[in-house]
Protein backbone atom coordinates (compact mmCIF):
# COMPACT_ATOMS: atom_id res chain seq x y z
CA UNK A 1 44.31 5.87 -124.01
CA UNK A 2 47.61 5.34 -125.55
CA UNK A 3 46.72 7.72 -128.06
CA UNK A 4 45.76 10.03 -125.35
CA UNK A 5 49.12 9.93 -123.38
CA UNK A 6 51.22 10.46 -126.63
CA UNK A 7 49.22 13.87 -127.27
CA UNK A 8 49.59 15.20 -123.66
CA UNK A 9 53.43 13.93 -124.08
CA UNK A 10 53.75 15.69 -127.30
CA UNK A 11 51.91 19.09 -125.66
CA UNK A 12 54.15 18.87 -122.65
CA UNK A 13 57.01 18.31 -124.11
CA UNK A 14 56.69 21.26 -126.64
CA UNK A 15 55.71 23.32 -124.01
CA UNK A 16 59.22 22.56 -122.60
CA UNK A 17 60.96 23.81 -125.30
CA UNK A 18 59.05 26.76 -126.08
CA UNK A 19 59.94 27.64 -122.15
CA UNK A 20 63.18 26.44 -122.70
CA UNK A 21 63.99 29.14 -125.17
CA UNK A 22 62.48 31.66 -123.64
CA UNK A 23 64.88 30.61 -120.67
CA UNK A 24 67.33 31.54 -122.76
CA UNK A 25 66.41 34.53 -124.05
CA UNK A 26 65.98 35.70 -120.14
CA UNK A 27 69.42 34.99 -119.33
CA UNK A 28 70.77 36.85 -122.08
CA UNK A 29 68.82 39.93 -121.21
CA UNK A 30 69.81 38.69 -117.32
CA UNK A 31 73.50 39.10 -118.81
CA UNK A 32 73.10 42.16 -120.47
CA UNK A 33 70.89 44.04 -117.89
CA UNK A 34 73.96 43.14 -115.04
CA UNK A 35 76.54 44.19 -117.47
CA UNK A 36 74.90 47.69 -118.24
CA UNK A 37 74.98 47.85 -113.98
CA UNK A 38 78.74 46.96 -113.83
CA UNK A 39 79.37 49.02 -116.78
CA UNK A 40 77.45 52.30 -114.80
CA UNK A 41 80.08 51.07 -111.23
CA UNK A 42 82.64 51.23 -113.55
CA UNK A 43 82.03 54.56 -115.38
CA UNK A 44 81.49 55.84 -111.30
CA UNK A 45 85.51 55.80 -111.20
CA UNK A 46 85.42 58.78 -114.27
CA UNK A 47 84.49 62.10 -112.47
CA UNK A 48 83.42 63.74 -115.64
CA UNK A 49 80.37 61.01 -116.23
CA UNK A 50 80.02 60.60 -112.25
CA UNK A 51 75.93 61.14 -112.13
CA UNK A 52 74.92 59.99 -115.22
CA UNK A 53 76.90 56.66 -114.62
CA UNK A 54 74.61 56.45 -111.41
CA UNK A 55 71.81 56.40 -113.65
CA UNK A 56 73.11 54.12 -115.82
CA UNK A 57 74.13 51.39 -113.13
CA UNK A 58 70.59 51.70 -111.53
CA UNK A 59 68.42 51.49 -114.12
CA UNK A 60 70.63 48.12 -114.94
CA UNK A 61 70.41 47.13 -111.10
CA UNK A 62 66.32 48.02 -111.33
CA UNK A 63 65.76 45.73 -114.78
CA UNK A 64 68.37 42.97 -113.51
CA UNK A 65 66.14 42.60 -110.08
CA UNK A 66 62.68 42.24 -113.03
CA UNK A 67 64.50 39.88 -115.10
CA UNK A 68 65.53 37.68 -111.97
CA UNK A 69 61.65 37.64 -111.17
CA UNK A 70 60.22 36.96 -114.42
CA UNK A 71 62.96 34.33 -115.23
CA UNK A 72 62.20 32.36 -112.15
CA UNK A 73 58.70 31.84 -112.82
CA UNK A 74 59.53 30.65 -116.58
CA UNK A 75 61.85 27.96 -114.60
CA UNK A 76 59.16 26.94 -112.26
CA UNK A 77 57.04 26.92 -115.47
CA UNK A 78 60.03 25.59 -117.47
CA UNK A 79 59.99 22.24 -114.62
CA UNK A 80 56.62 21.59 -114.19
CA UNK A 81 56.10 21.01 -118.33
CA UNK A 82 59.27 18.54 -117.79
CA UNK A 83 57.63 16.88 -115.38
CA UNK A 84 54.29 16.24 -116.53
CA UNK A 85 56.29 14.52 -119.36
CA UNK A 86 57.77 12.18 -117.51
CA UNK A 87 54.80 11.69 -115.94
CA UNK A 88 53.36 10.95 -119.51
CA UNK A 89 55.77 8.53 -120.21
CA UNK A 90 55.86 6.66 -116.72
CA UNK A 91 51.93 6.85 -117.53
CA UNK A 92 52.50 5.23 -120.92
CA UNK A 93 55.00 2.23 -119.52
CA UNK A 94 52.48 0.91 -117.67
CA UNK A 95 49.78 0.73 -120.77
CA UNK A 96 52.08 -0.87 -122.52
CA UNK A 97 53.23 -3.15 -119.03
CA UNK A 98 57.05 -1.89 -120.06
CA UNK A 99 58.13 -2.23 -116.64
CA UNK A 100 61.46 -2.20 -116.77
CA UNK A 101 61.60 1.48 -117.80
CA UNK A 102 59.17 2.67 -114.75
CA UNK A 103 61.27 4.11 -111.84
CA UNK A 104 62.19 1.95 -109.16
CA UNK A 105 60.56 3.43 -105.94
CA UNK A 106 62.97 4.41 -103.43
CA UNK A 107 63.47 2.71 -100.10
CA UNK A 108 65.98 3.28 -97.30
CA UNK A 109 68.28 1.04 -96.46
CA UNK A 110 67.28 -0.46 -93.11
CA UNK A 111 64.52 -0.21 -91.50
CA UNK A 112 64.47 0.33 -87.62
CA UNK A 113 60.95 -0.95 -85.76
CA UNK A 114 60.30 -0.76 -82.62
CA UNK A 115 58.06 -4.04 -82.91
CA UNK A 116 59.06 -6.72 -84.56
CA UNK A 117 56.00 -8.38 -85.63
CA UNK A 118 54.77 -5.39 -87.51
CA UNK A 119 58.48 -5.21 -89.47
CA UNK A 120 58.25 -9.02 -89.74
CA UNK A 121 54.55 -8.73 -91.95
CA UNK A 122 56.58 -5.35 -93.49
CA UNK A 123 59.43 -6.97 -94.87
CA UNK A 124 57.58 -10.20 -96.34
CA UNK A 125 55.37 -7.82 -98.18
CA UNK A 126 58.59 -5.62 -99.84
CA UNK A 127 60.51 -9.43 -100.66
CA UNK A 128 58.29 -12.16 -101.45
CA UNK A 129 58.06 -12.05 -104.78
CA UNK A 130 59.55 -8.17 -105.10
CA UNK A 131 61.74 -6.04 -105.74
CA UNK A 132 63.88 -5.84 -103.06
CA UNK A 133 65.42 -8.83 -100.50
CA UNK A 134 66.39 -8.50 -96.72
CA UNK A 135 69.84 -8.67 -95.66
CA UNK A 136 70.42 -8.87 -91.84
CA UNK A 137 68.20 -8.18 -88.99
CA UNK A 138 69.75 -7.10 -85.98
CA UNK A 139 67.72 -6.92 -82.50
CA UNK A 140 68.84 -4.24 -80.29
CA UNK A 141 67.98 -4.97 -76.35
CA UNK A 142 68.14 -0.77 -75.63
CA UNK A 143 65.67 -1.39 -72.99
CA UNK A 144 66.91 -4.33 -70.70
CA UNK A 145 64.83 -4.12 -67.73
CA UNK A 146 61.89 -4.55 -70.22
CA UNK A 147 60.26 -7.43 -73.00
CA UNK A 148 60.49 -4.34 -75.89
CA UNK A 149 63.38 -5.76 -78.24
CA UNK A 150 64.12 -3.12 -81.10
CA UNK A 151 65.31 -4.40 -84.51
CA UNK A 152 66.90 -2.88 -87.68
CA UNK A 153 66.69 -4.48 -91.31
CA UNK A 154 68.74 -4.41 -94.21
CA UNK A 155 66.66 -4.09 -97.44
CA UNK A 156 68.39 -3.59 -101.24
CA UNK A 157 67.12 -4.36 -104.41
CA UNK A 158 67.42 -7.91 -105.63
CA UNK A 159 70.08 -8.61 -108.35
CA UNK A 160 68.57 -7.76 -111.78
CA UNK A 161 66.83 -11.30 -113.02
CA UNK A 162 66.01 -12.58 -109.96
CA UNK A 163 62.96 -10.45 -109.35
CA UNK A 164 59.76 -12.22 -110.65
CA UNK A 165 56.28 -10.43 -111.46
CA UNK A 166 55.10 -8.68 -114.45
C-alpha cells in the first residue's frame, strides 16, 4: 500500500513540476503580449505610424486576453497537482504512523453554545486525551426571565508534549 502512495506522489509531483514550467512560459508570453499592446499604444503618439500602431495594439490585447484565460487554467491544474501531492504525503504519514507530520485540525478559539450539556459533551470529546484543552467557560444570561443560559468556552492546543495518544 505504501508503494502505491509513493508512486502516486511521484507522479503528481512530476505533473506539478511540468505545469510550473508551463505556467512560467505562459507568464513570459503574457508579458510579451502586454508589451506588444503597450508598444502599439505608445506608437499611436506618432502620427506617421497611426493606424498600423492601432492594429499592433489590438493584436497585443487579444493575445494577452487569450493567454490570461489559458494561463488561469494551467495555474488551477498546477494547484490541483500540488494538493494531490500533499494528500499523498498525508496518506503516507498515516500509513507509517508519523502523526507529527500531519496537519492539525483547525478549531475556533471559542465555542459558543445555547445549551450547556451538549457543550460539555463536545468539550469532553475534544479535551479528553486529545490535542486540545479547555480554558475558561463563561455563562451568559442573555434572557434573564427564562431558564436558558448561553455559554462560551475557550479552547486551545495543549502544549507540546502534554498530548497523549498515538
